Amino acid sequence: PDLTGHEKFALGSVKYNISRIHVTAVELPSASISLLPGSGIKLVIGNASLTINMNWNIRTWMFKDSGRGTVHISKVFVTAIFSTPLDSTGPTSISLTSCRTTSGDIDIKLNGKN
């Protein structure tokens, strides 16, 4: 979905719109899943990266501009624990018990066309 909003600053407000968001690359060089006896599943993803392309538009009382942008997020580490209750009376369910995510680098490139 598009991201639209506005922020207020001392010199006025800024309206922005980020649209046509597309994930163009995902790398998971290190991923593992392990069973936690009696409690669930542990997912560990290490040193992952993600690239996103988008259109952007910004407007203030003084100027407006728009263009294309790329966001590259790298050195992403995720640890998630999922619980799988053993209940034979219904369908199997999985719920997220805990999740920890860190990212090392974020590179944002905005190319204006106005």
N, C-alpha and C. Protein backbone atom coordinates (compact mmCIF):
# COMPACT_ATOMS: atom_id res chain seq x y z
N PRO A 1 0.82 -1.21 0.00
CA PRO A 1 0.00 0.00 0.00
C PRO A 1 0.86 1.26 0.00
N ASP A 2 0.28 2.34 -0.50
CA ASP A 2 0.97 3.63 -0.51
C ASP A 2 1.10 4.18 0.91
N LEU A 3 2.12 5.00 1.13
CA LEU A 3 2.31 5.68 2.41
C LEU A 3 2.09 7.16 2.17
N THR A 4 1.11 7.74 2.83
CA THR A 4 0.80 9.15 2.67
C THR A 4 0.67 9.78 4.04
N GLY A 5 1.16 11.02 4.17
CA GLY A 5 1.03 11.69 5.45
C GLY A 5 1.59 13.09 5.41
N HIS A 6 1.65 13.69 6.59
CA HIS A 6 2.24 15.02 6.70
C HIS A 6 2.88 15.16 8.07
N GLU A 7 3.90 15.99 8.10
CA GLU A 7 4.63 16.28 9.33
C GLU A 7 4.70 17.79 9.50
N LYS A 8 4.58 18.25 10.75
CA LYS A 8 4.67 19.68 11.03
C LYS A 8 6.03 20.00 11.63
N PHE A 9 6.63 21.07 11.13
CA PHE A 9 7.91 21.56 11.62
C PHE A 9 7.77 23.04 11.96
N ALA A 10 8.81 23.62 12.51
CA ALA A 10 8.77 25.03 12.92
C ALA A 10 8.49 25.96 11.73
N LEU A 11 8.98 25.61 10.55
CA LEU A 11 8.83 26.47 9.38
C LEU A 11 7.63 26.10 8.51
N GLY A 12 6.79 25.18 8.95
CA GLY A 12 5.63 24.79 8.17
C GLY A 12 5.46 23.29 8.17
N SER A 13 4.61 22.80 7.26
CA SER A 13 4.36 21.37 7.21
C SER A 13 4.84 20.79 5.88
N VAL A 14 5.06 19.50 5.90
CA VAL A 14 5.51 18.76 4.73
C VAL A 14 4.50 17.65 4.47
N LYS A 15 3.98 17.61 3.25
CA LYS A 15 3.10 16.51 2.83
C LYS A 15 3.92 15.58 1.96
N TYR A 16 3.73 14.26 2.16
CA TYR A 16 4.51 13.30 1.39
C TYR A 16 3.63 12.15 0.94
N ASN A 17 4.05 11.51 -0.13
CA ASN A 17 3.39 10.31 -0.63
C ASN A 17 4.47 9.39 -1.19
N ILE A 18 4.45 8.15 -0.76
CA ILE A 18 5.34 7.13 -1.29
C ILE A 18 4.44 6.06 -1.92
N SER A 19 4.61 5.84 -3.22
CA SER A 19 3.72 4.94 -3.94
C SER A 19 4.50 3.95 -4.80
N ARG A 20 3.78 3.01 -5.37
CA ARG A 20 4.34 1.98 -6.24
C ARG A 20 5.55 1.31 -5.57
N ILE A 21 5.35 0.89 -4.33
CA ILE A 21 6.39 0.24 -3.55
C ILE A 21 6.53 -1.20 -4.02
N HIS A 22 7.74 -1.56 -4.45
CA HIS A 22 8.01 -2.91 -4.94
C HIS A 22 9.28 -3.45 -4.29
N VAL A 23 9.18 -4.64 -3.73
CA VAL A 23 10.36 -5.33 -3.23
C VAL A 23 11.02 -5.98 -4.44
N THR A 24 12.24 -5.58 -4.76
CA THR A 24 12.90 -6.07 -5.96
C THR A 24 13.96 -7.12 -5.68
N ALA A 25 14.40 -7.25 -4.44
CA ALA A 25 15.40 -8.27 -4.11
C ALA A 25 15.33 -8.61 -2.63
N VAL A 26 15.45 -9.89 -2.33
CA VAL A 26 15.54 -10.38 -0.96
C VAL A 26 16.63 -11.44 -0.94
N GLU A 27 17.57 -11.30 -0.04
CA GLU A 27 18.64 -12.29 0.11
C GLU A 27 18.64 -12.81 1.54
N LEU A 28 18.61 -14.13 1.67
CA LEU A 28 18.64 -14.79 2.97
C LEU A 28 19.81 -15.77 2.98
N PRO A 29 21.04 -15.26 3.12
CA PRO A 29 22.20 -16.15 3.02
C PRO A 29 22.33 -17.14 4.17
N SER A 30 21.71 -16.81 5.29
CA SER A 30 21.81 -17.70 6.45
C SER A 30 20.44 -17.76 7.13
N ALA A 31 19.77 -18.89 7.00
CA ALA A 31 18.46 -19.06 7.64
C ALA A 31 18.37 -20.47 8.19
N SER A 32 17.78 -20.59 9.37
CA SER A 32 17.60 -21.92 9.96
C SER A 32 16.30 -21.98 10.75
N ILE A 33 15.75 -23.17 10.78
CA ILE A 33 14.54 -23.44 11.56
C ILE A 33 14.86 -24.62 12.48
N SER A 34 14.50 -24.47 13.75
CA SER A 34 14.72 -25.58 14.68
C SER A 34 13.49 -25.77 15.55
N LEU A 35 13.29 -26.99 16.00
CA LEU A 35 12.17 -27.31 16.89
C LEU A 35 12.58 -27.06 18.32
N LEU A 36 11.69 -26.47 19.08
CA LEU A 36 11.89 -26.27 20.52
C LEU A 36 10.97 -27.27 21.21
N PRO A 37 11.51 -28.34 21.76
CA PRO A 37 10.68 -29.40 22.34
C PRO A 37 9.66 -28.87 23.34
N GLY A 38 8.41 -29.23 23.09
CA GLY A 38 7.34 -28.86 24.00
C GLY A 38 6.83 -27.44 23.85
N SER A 39 7.46 -26.61 23.00
CA SER A 39 6.98 -25.23 22.94
C SER A 39 6.75 -24.68 21.54
N GLY A 40 7.57 -25.09 20.55
CA GLY A 40 7.32 -24.50 19.25
C GLY A 40 8.48 -24.57 18.28
N ILE A 41 8.63 -23.51 17.52
CA ILE A 41 9.61 -23.43 16.43
C ILE A 41 10.41 -22.15 16.57
N LYS A 42 11.72 -22.24 16.30
CA LYS A 42 12.59 -21.07 16.33
C LYS A 42 13.11 -20.84 14.91
N LEU A 43 12.94 -19.62 14.41
CA LEU A 43 13.42 -19.21 13.10
C LEU A 43 14.53 -18.18 13.30
N VAL A 44 15.68 -18.42 12.68
CA VAL A 44 16.81 -17.48 12.78
C VAL A 44 17.25 -17.14 11.36
N ILE A 45 17.28 -15.85 11.05
CA ILE A 45 17.74 -15.35 9.75
C ILE A 45 18.91 -14.42 10.03
N GLY A 46 20.03 -14.66 9.37
CA GLY A 46 21.21 -13.85 9.61
C GLY A 46 21.74 -13.20 8.35
N ASN A 47 22.17 -11.98 8.48
CA ASN A 47 22.83 -11.22 7.41
C ASN A 47 21.97 -11.12 6.15
N ALA A 48 20.69 -10.92 6.32
CA ALA A 48 19.77 -10.79 5.19
C ALA A 48 19.82 -9.38 4.63
N SER A 49 19.29 -9.24 3.41
CA SER A 49 19.19 -7.90 2.81
C SER A 49 17.90 -7.81 2.00
N LEU A 50 17.48 -6.57 1.76
CA LEU A 50 16.22 -6.28 1.10
C LEU A 50 16.38 -5.01 0.29
N THR A 51 15.89 -5.01 -0.95
CA THR A 51 15.91 -3.81 -1.79
C THR A 51 14.48 -3.48 -2.20
N ILE A 52 14.13 -2.20 -2.06
CA ILE A 52 12.78 -1.72 -2.36
C ILE A 52 12.88 -0.54 -3.31
N ASN A 53 12.09 -0.54 -4.39
CA ASN A 53 11.98 0.61 -5.29
C ASN A 53 10.62 1.27 -5.08
N MET A 54 10.55 2.59 -5.31
CA MET A 54 9.31 3.31 -5.05
C MET A 54 9.29 4.64 -5.80
N ASN A 55 8.12 5.24 -5.89
CA ASN A 55 7.96 6.62 -6.32
C ASN A 55 7.77 7.46 -5.07
N TRP A 56 8.23 8.70 -5.09
CA TRP A 56 8.03 9.59 -3.95
C TRP A 56 7.60 10.96 -4.44
N ASN A 57 6.88 11.65 -3.57
CA ASN A 57 6.36 12.98 -3.86
C ASN A 57 6.35 13.76 -2.55
N ILE A 58 6.88 14.98 -2.57
CA ILE A 58 6.91 15.81 -1.36
C ILE A 58 6.44 17.21 -1.73
N ARG A 59 5.70 17.84 -0.81
CA ARG A 59 5.17 19.18 -1.06
C ARG A 59 5.21 20.00 0.23
N THR A 60 5.76 21.20 0.13
CA THR A 60 5.76 22.15 1.24
C THR A 60 5.16 23.46 0.76
N TRP A 61 5.08 24.43 1.61
CA TRP A 61 4.54 25.73 1.20
C TRP A 61 5.49 26.43 0.23
N MET A 62 6.78 26.01 0.23
CA MET A 62 7.79 26.69 -0.56
C MET A 62 8.14 25.95 -1.86
N PHE A 63 8.04 24.62 -1.89
CA PHE A 63 8.42 23.88 -3.10
C PHE A 63 7.72 22.52 -3.12
N LYS A 64 7.80 21.89 -4.29
CA LYS A 64 7.35 20.51 -4.41
C LYS A 64 8.33 19.76 -5.30
N ASP A 65 8.45 18.46 -5.10
CA ASP A 65 9.37 17.65 -5.88
C ASP A 65 8.86 16.22 -5.87
N SER A 66 9.31 15.44 -6.82
CA SER A 66 8.93 14.03 -6.90
C SER A 66 10.00 13.28 -7.67
N GLY A 67 9.93 11.97 -7.62
CA GLY A 67 10.90 11.16 -8.34
C GLY A 67 10.79 9.70 -7.97
N ARG A 68 11.87 8.97 -8.22
CA ARG A 68 11.98 7.55 -7.90
C ARG A 68 12.99 7.39 -6.77
N GLY A 69 12.86 6.32 -6.04
CA GLY A 69 13.80 6.06 -4.96
C GLY A 69 14.07 4.59 -4.79
N THR A 70 15.22 4.30 -4.19
CA THR A 70 15.61 2.93 -3.86
C THR A 70 16.07 2.90 -2.41
N VAL A 71 15.60 1.91 -1.68
CA VAL A 71 16.04 1.69 -0.30
C VAL A 71 16.66 0.31 -0.24
N HIS A 72 17.90 0.25 0.26
CA HIS A 72 18.59 -1.04 0.43
C HIS A 72 18.89 -1.20 1.92
N ILE A 73 18.35 -2.25 2.50
CA ILE A 73 18.56 -2.55 3.92
C ILE A 73 19.41 -3.81 3.99
N SER A 74 20.53 -3.74 4.71
CA SER A 74 21.41 -4.89 4.80
C SER A 74 21.79 -5.17 6.25
N LYS A 75 22.44 -6.30 6.43
CA LYS A 75 22.85 -6.77 7.76
C LYS A 75 21.64 -6.90 8.68
N VAL A 76 20.58 -7.52 8.14
CA VAL A 76 19.35 -7.73 8.89
C VAL A 76 19.42 -9.08 9.59
N PHE A 77 19.12 -9.08 10.88
CA PHE A 77 19.11 -10.29 11.69
C PHE A 77 17.75 -10.42 12.35
N VAL A 78 17.14 -11.60 12.25
CA VAL A 78 15.81 -11.84 12.81
C VAL A 78 15.85 -13.13 13.60
N THR A 79 15.29 -13.09 14.80
CA THR A 79 15.06 -14.30 15.59
C THR A 79 13.60 -14.27 16.00
N ALA A 80 12.86 -15.32 15.62
CA ALA A 80 11.43 -15.39 15.94
C ALA A 80 11.12 -16.75 16.56
N ILE A 81 10.27 -16.71 17.58
CA ILE A 81 9.81 -17.92 18.24
C ILE A 81 8.30 -18.03 18.00
N PHE A 82 7.90 -19.19 17.47
CA PHE A 82 6.48 -19.45 17.22
C PHE A 82 6.03 -20.57 18.15
N SER A 83 4.87 -20.40 18.78
CA SER A 83 4.34 -21.47 19.62
C SER A 83 3.33 -22.28 18.81
N THR A 84 3.34 -23.56 19.06
CA THR A 84 2.42 -24.47 18.37
C THR A 84 1.72 -25.31 19.44
N PRO A 85 0.61 -24.79 19.96
CA PRO A 85 -0.10 -25.52 21.01
C PRO A 85 -0.54 -26.90 20.52
N LEU A 86 -0.33 -27.90 21.34
CA LEU A 86 -0.76 -29.26 21.00
C LEU A 86 -2.19 -29.45 21.46
N ASP A 87 -3.11 -29.23 20.55
CA ASP A 87 -4.52 -29.35 20.85
C ASP A 87 -5.14 -30.20 19.75
N SER A 88 -5.55 -31.40 20.09
CA SER A 88 -6.06 -32.32 19.08
C SER A 88 -7.54 -32.09 18.76
N THR A 89 -8.15 -31.08 19.36
CA THR A 89 -9.58 -30.86 19.15
C THR A 89 -9.88 -29.99 17.93
N GLY A 90 -8.91 -29.31 17.38
CA GLY A 90 -9.18 -28.42 16.25
C GLY A 90 -7.99 -28.34 15.33
N PRO A 91 -8.04 -27.41 14.40
CA PRO A 91 -6.92 -27.26 13.46
C PRO A 91 -5.67 -26.76 14.18
N THR A 92 -4.51 -27.11 13.61
CA THR A 92 -3.24 -26.68 14.19
C THR A 92 -3.13 -25.17 14.06
N SER A 93 -2.68 -24.53 15.10
CA SER A 93 -2.50 -23.08 15.07
C SER A 93 -1.05 -22.76 15.41
N ILE A 94 -0.59 -21.64 14.86
CA ILE A 94 0.76 -21.15 15.13
C ILE A 94 0.63 -19.68 15.51
N SER A 95 1.28 -19.30 16.60
CA SER A 95 1.26 -17.88 16.98
C SER A 95 2.68 -17.42 17.30
N LEU A 96 2.94 -16.16 16.99
CA LEU A 96 4.25 -15.57 17.24
C LEU A 96 4.37 -15.24 18.72
N THR A 97 5.37 -15.82 19.37
CA THR A 97 5.59 -15.61 20.79
C THR A 97 6.55 -14.46 21.03
N SER A 98 7.64 -14.41 20.24
CA SER A 98 8.59 -13.32 20.37
C SER A 98 9.30 -13.11 19.04
N CYS A 99 9.76 -11.87 18.83
CA CYS A 99 10.48 -11.55 17.60
C CYS A 99 11.47 -10.43 17.90
N ARG A 100 12.69 -10.61 17.44
CA ARG A 100 13.73 -9.59 17.61
C ARG A 100 14.39 -9.38 16.25
N THR A 101 14.44 -8.12 15.82
CA THR A 101 15.02 -7.79 14.53
C THR A 101 15.98 -6.62 14.69
N THR A 102 17.12 -6.73 14.03
CA THR A 102 18.07 -5.62 13.98
C THR A 102 18.53 -5.46 12.54
N SER A 103 18.86 -4.22 12.18
CA SER A 103 19.42 -3.98 10.84
C SER A 103 20.67 -3.12 11.01
N GLY A 104 21.65 -3.39 10.18
CA GLY A 104 22.92 -2.69 10.30
C GLY A 104 23.01 -1.45 9.44
N ASP A 105 22.66 -1.58 8.16
CA ASP A 105 22.83 -0.46 7.22
C ASP A 105 21.54 -0.22 6.44
N ILE A 106 21.22 1.05 6.25
CA ILE A 106 20.11 1.46 5.40
C ILE A 106 20.63 2.52 4.45
N ASP A 107 20.53 2.24 3.16
CA ASP A 107 20.99 3.16 2.12
C ASP A 107 19.77 3.64 1.34
N ILE A 108 19.52 4.93 1.34
CA ILE A 108 18.37 5.52 0.65
C ILE A 108 18.87 6.43 -0.46
N LYS A 109 18.41 6.18 -1.68
CA LYS A 109 18.76 7.02 -2.83
C LYS A 109 17.48 7.57 -3.43
N LEU A 110 17.37 8.91 -3.48
CA LEU A 110 16.23 9.57 -4.08
C LEU A 110 16.67 10.29 -5.33
N ASN A 111 16.00 10.04 -6.42
CA ASN A 111 16.28 10.71 -7.69
C ASN A 111 15.09 11.59 -8.03
N GLY A 112 15.29 12.88 -8.08
CA GLY A 112 14.22 13.82 -8.40
C GLY A 112 14.06 13.99 -9.89
N LYS A 113 12.85 14.34 -10.31
CA LYS A 113 12.62 14.60 -11.72
C LYS A 113 12.10 16.00 -11.97
N ASN A 114 11.81 16.79 -10.89
CA ASN A 114 11.33 18.17 -11.03
C ASN A 114 12.37 19.14 -10.50
